[in-house]
Amino acid sequence: MKTQKIIYWIATVLLTLLVLFSVGMYFFNHAEIVKVFTALGFPTYIIYPLATLKILGLIVILGNIGGNLKEWAYAGFFFNFILAFFAHVMVGDGEQFGALMALVLLLASYFLGKKVRN
């Protein structure tokens, strides 16, 4: 149980750092992110709302806020990472590794978190 708790926190902290890096890019390197979103075929007006939702999702997960709200936060990240992975695969830019890594960390955090809390 202690090992699972340690792995849970490692996965959750690494996921948090990855998401914060993403959010930082959205806010502080906006011009480059606009190019990426355009290349992927996504509308650029979702950049700031997506960044804001990522921050709120992290707050919910790290703050252990509300059972159903936490499930929605994990689900939101899951769909975001899945869609990012396939978007990169479909355009063939070779940038899908970050989304795949985020997905693995998310799944580890989610399933180990359930075990640790029970």
C-alpha atoms as a PDB file:
ATOM      1  CA  MET A   1       0.000   0.000   0.000  1.00  0.00           C
ATOM      2  CA  LYS A   2       2.822   2.416   0.818  1.00  0.00           C
ATOM      3  CA  THR A   3       4.503   1.718  -2.529  1.00  0.00           C
ATOM      4  CA  GLN A   4       1.241   2.414  -4.346  1.00  0.00           C
ATOM      5  CA  LYS A   5       0.870   5.702  -2.482  1.00  0.00           C
ATOM      6  CA  ILE A   6       4.399   6.756  -3.438  1.00  0.00           C
ATOM      7  CA  ILE A   7       3.825   5.848  -7.100  1.00  0.00           C
ATOM      8  CA  TYR A   8       0.481   7.677  -7.009  1.00  0.00           C
ATOM      9  CA  TRP A   9       2.138  10.868  -5.785  1.00  0.00           C
ATOM     10  CA  ILE A  10       5.024  10.587  -8.247  1.00  0.00           C
ATOM     11  CA  ALA A  11       2.584  10.135 -11.143  1.00  0.00           C
ATOM     12  CA  THR A  12       0.336  12.946  -9.913  1.00  0.00           C
ATOM     13  CA  VAL A  13       3.218  15.383  -9.400  1.00  0.00           C
ATOM     14  CA  LEU A  14       4.734  14.567 -12.811  1.00  0.00           C
ATOM     15  CA  LEU A  15       1.298  14.972 -14.411  1.00  0.00           C
ATOM     16  CA  THR A  16       0.887  18.313 -12.631  1.00  0.00           C
ATOM     17  CA  LEU A  17       4.279  19.530 -13.881  1.00  0.00           C
ATOM     18  CA  LEU A  18       3.478  18.444 -17.431  1.00  0.00           C
ATOM     19  CA  VAL A  19       0.106  20.198 -17.391  1.00  0.00           C
ATOM     20  CA  LEU A  20       1.601  23.343 -15.828  1.00  0.00           C
ATOM     21  CA  PHE A  21       4.256  23.388 -18.547  1.00  0.00           C
ATOM     22  CA  SER A  22       1.464  23.158 -21.128  1.00  0.00           C
ATOM     23  CA  VAL A  23      -0.501  25.964 -19.466  1.00  0.00           C
ATOM     24  CA  GLY A  24       2.638  28.094 -19.275  1.00  0.00           C
ATOM     25  CA  MET A  25       3.156  27.649 -22.997  1.00  0.00           C
ATOM     26  CA  TYR A  26      -0.481  28.599 -23.667  1.00  0.00           C
ATOM     27  CA  PHE A  27      -0.109  31.876 -21.746  1.00  0.00           C
ATOM     28  CA  PHE A  28       3.524  32.853 -22.306  1.00  0.00           C
ATOM     29  CA  ASN A  29       4.271  31.480 -25.781  1.00  0.00           C
ATOM     30  CA  HIS A  30       0.863  32.149 -27.277  1.00  0.00           C
ATOM     31  CA  ALA A  31       2.068  32.879 -30.818  1.00  0.00           C
ATOM     32  CA  GLU A  32       3.763  29.488 -31.070  1.00  0.00           C
ATOM     33  CA  ILE A  33       0.733  27.695 -29.626  1.00  0.00           C
ATOM     34  CA  VAL A  34      -1.515  29.434 -32.172  1.00  0.00           C
ATOM     35  CA  LYS A  35       0.685  27.945 -34.930  1.00  0.00           C
ATOM     36  CA  VAL A  36       0.409  24.472 -33.386  1.00  0.00           C
ATOM     37  CA  PHE A  37      -3.370  24.686 -32.930  1.00  0.00           C
ATOM     38  CA  THR A  38      -3.760  25.927 -36.509  1.00  0.00           C
ATOM     39  CA  ALA A  39      -1.585  23.081 -37.841  1.00  0.00           C
ATOM     40  CA  LEU A  40      -3.708  20.578 -35.889  1.00  0.00           C
ATOM     41  CA  GLY A  41      -6.918  22.102 -37.239  1.00  0.00           C
ATOM     42  CA  PHE A  42      -8.141  23.353 -33.858  1.00  0.00           C
ATOM     43  CA  PRO A  43      -9.726  26.783 -33.390  1.00  0.00           C
ATOM     44  CA  THR A  44      -7.337  29.159 -31.653  1.00  0.00           C
ATOM     45  CA  TYR A  45     -10.030  30.766 -29.509  1.00  0.00           C
ATOM     46  CA  ILE A  46     -10.026  27.700 -27.224  1.00  0.00           C
ATOM     47  CA  ILE A  47      -6.404  28.209 -26.095  1.00  0.00           C
ATOM     48  CA  TYR A  48      -7.089  30.443 -23.074  1.00  0.00           C
ATOM     49  CA  PRO A  49     -10.260  28.633 -21.924  1.00  0.00           C
ATOM     50  CA  LEU A  50      -8.443  25.288 -22.226  1.00  0.00           C
ATOM     51  CA  ALA A  51      -5.530  26.606 -20.174  1.00  0.00           C
ATOM     52  CA  THR A  52      -7.932  27.888 -17.522  1.00  0.00           C
ATOM     53  CA  LEU A  53      -9.768  24.558 -17.373  1.00  0.00           C
ATOM     54  CA  LYS A  54      -6.470  22.696 -17.029  1.00  0.00           C
ATOM     55  CA  ILE A  55      -5.575  24.838 -14.011  1.00  0.00           C
ATOM     56  CA  LEU A  56      -9.009  24.260 -12.469  1.00  0.00           C
ATOM     57  CA  GLY A  57      -8.695  20.515 -13.128  1.00  0.00           C
ATOM     58  CA  LEU A  58      -5.371  20.410 -11.314  1.00  0.00           C
ATOM     59  CA  ILE A  59      -6.845  22.307  -8.366  1.00  0.00           C
ATOM     60  CA  VAL A  60      -9.701  19.804  -8.131  1.00  0.00           C
ATOM     61  CA  ILE A  61      -7.401  16.775  -8.376  1.00  0.00           C
ATOM     62  CA  LEU A  62      -4.669  18.024  -6.038  1.00  0.00           C
ATOM     63  CA  GLY A  63      -7.162  19.526  -3.598  1.00  0.00           C
ATOM     64  CA  ASN A  64      -9.191  16.300  -3.552  1.00  0.00           C
ATOM     65  CA  ILE A  65     -12.307  18.403  -4.115  1.00  0.00           C
ATOM     66  CA  GLY A  66     -15.659  16.674  -4.514  1.00  0.00           C
ATOM     67  CA  GLY A  67     -15.928  13.051  -5.649  1.00  0.00           C
ATOM     68  CA  ASN A  68     -17.894  13.633  -8.847  1.00  0.00           C
ATOM     69  CA  LEU A  69     -16.043  16.840  -9.650  1.00  0.00           C
ATOM     70  CA  LYS A  70     -12.763  14.981  -9.363  1.00  0.00           C
ATOM     71  CA  GLU A  71     -14.064  12.283 -11.722  1.00  0.00           C
ATOM     72  CA  TRP A  72     -14.985  14.994 -14.233  1.00  0.00           C
ATOM     73  CA  ALA A  73     -11.542  16.568 -13.932  1.00  0.00           C
ATOM     74  CA  TYR A  74      -9.858  13.234 -14.655  1.00  0.00           C
ATOM     75  CA  ALA A  75     -12.293  12.630 -17.540  1.00  0.00           C
ATOM     76  CA  GLY A  76     -11.586  16.064 -18.990  1.00  0.00           C
ATOM     77  CA  PHE A  77      -7.850  15.437 -18.926  1.00  0.00           C
ATOM     78  CA  PHE A  78      -8.377  11.958 -20.401  1.00  0.00           C
ATOM     79  CA  PHE A  79     -10.280  13.288 -23.401  1.00  0.00           C
ATOM     80  CA  ASN A  80      -7.850  16.177 -23.838  1.00  0.00           C
ATOM     81  CA  PHE A  81      -4.844  13.846 -23.921  1.00  0.00           C
ATOM     82  CA  ILE A  82      -6.534  11.274 -26.188  1.00  0.00           C
ATOM     83  CA  LEU A  83      -7.597  13.972 -28.658  1.00  0.00           C
ATOM     84  CA  ALA A  84      -4.134  15.575 -28.566  1.00  0.00           C
ATOM     85  CA  PHE A  85      -2.485  12.212 -29.189  1.00  0.00           C
ATOM     86  CA  PHE A  86      -4.629  11.391 -32.211  1.00  0.00           C
ATOM     87  CA  ALA A  87      -4.461  14.936 -33.576  1.00  0.00           C
ATOM     88  CA  HIS A  88      -0.663  14.722 -33.633  1.00  0.00           C
ATOM     89  CA  VAL A  89      -0.764  11.239 -35.157  1.00  0.00           C
ATOM     90  CA  MET A  90      -3.194  12.335 -37.871  1.00  0.00           C
ATOM     91  CA  VAL A  91      -1.113  15.338 -38.959  1.00  0.00           C
ATOM     92  CA  GLY A  92       2.059  13.251 -38.715  1.00  0.00           C
ATOM     93  CA  ASP A  93       4.152  15.820 -36.874  1.00  0.00           C
ATOM     94  CA  GLY A  94       5.697  13.251 -34.513  1.00  0.00           C
ATOM     95  CA  GLU A  95       4.692  15.260 -31.428  1.00  0.00           C
ATOM     96  CA  GLN A  96       2.340  12.706 -29.889  1.00  0.00           C
ATOM     97  CA  PHE A  97       4.794  11.497 -27.226  1.00  0.00           C
ATOM     98  CA  GLY A  98       3.896  14.268 -24.759  1.00  0.00           C
ATOM     99  CA  ALA A  99       0.203  13.421 -24.952  1.00  0.00           C
ATOM    100  CA  LEU A 100       0.952   9.713 -24.565  1.00  0.00           C
ATOM    101  CA  MET A 101       3.164  10.366 -21.540  1.00  0.00           C
ATOM    102  CA  ALA A 102       0.456  12.579 -20.014  1.00  0.00           C
ATOM    103  CA  LEU A 103      -2.133   9.850 -20.608  1.00  0.00           C
ATOM    104  CA  VAL A 104       0.014   7.206 -18.869  1.00  0.00           C
ATOM    105  CA  LEU A 105       0.613   9.514 -15.889  1.00  0.00           C
ATOM    106  CA  LEU A 106      -3.091  10.370 -15.753  1.00  0.00           C
ATOM    107  CA  LEU A 107      -4.173   6.731 -15.737  1.00  0.00           C
ATOM    108  CA  ALA A 108      -1.590   5.864 -13.066  1.00  0.00           C
ATOM    109  CA  SER A 109      -2.741   8.781 -10.914  1.00  0.00           C
ATOM    110  CA  TYR A 110      -6.409   7.922 -11.360  1.00  0.00           C
ATOM    111  CA  PHE A 111      -6.292   4.182 -10.704  1.00  0.00           C
ATOM    112  CA  LEU A 112      -3.658   4.288  -7.963  1.00  0.00           C
ATOM    113  CA  GLY A 113      -5.531   7.184  -6.357  1.00  0.00           C
ATOM    114  CA  LYS A 114      -8.659   5.041  -6.147  1.00  0.00           C
ATOM    115  CA  LYS A 115      -6.668   2.216  -4.499  1.00  0.00           C
ATOM    116  CA  VAL A 116      -4.926   4.537  -2.053  1.00  0.00           C
ATOM    117  CA  ARG A 117      -8.183   6.172  -0.943  1.00  0.00           C
ATOM    118  CA  ASN A 118     -10.013   2.847  -0.413  1.00  0.00           C
END
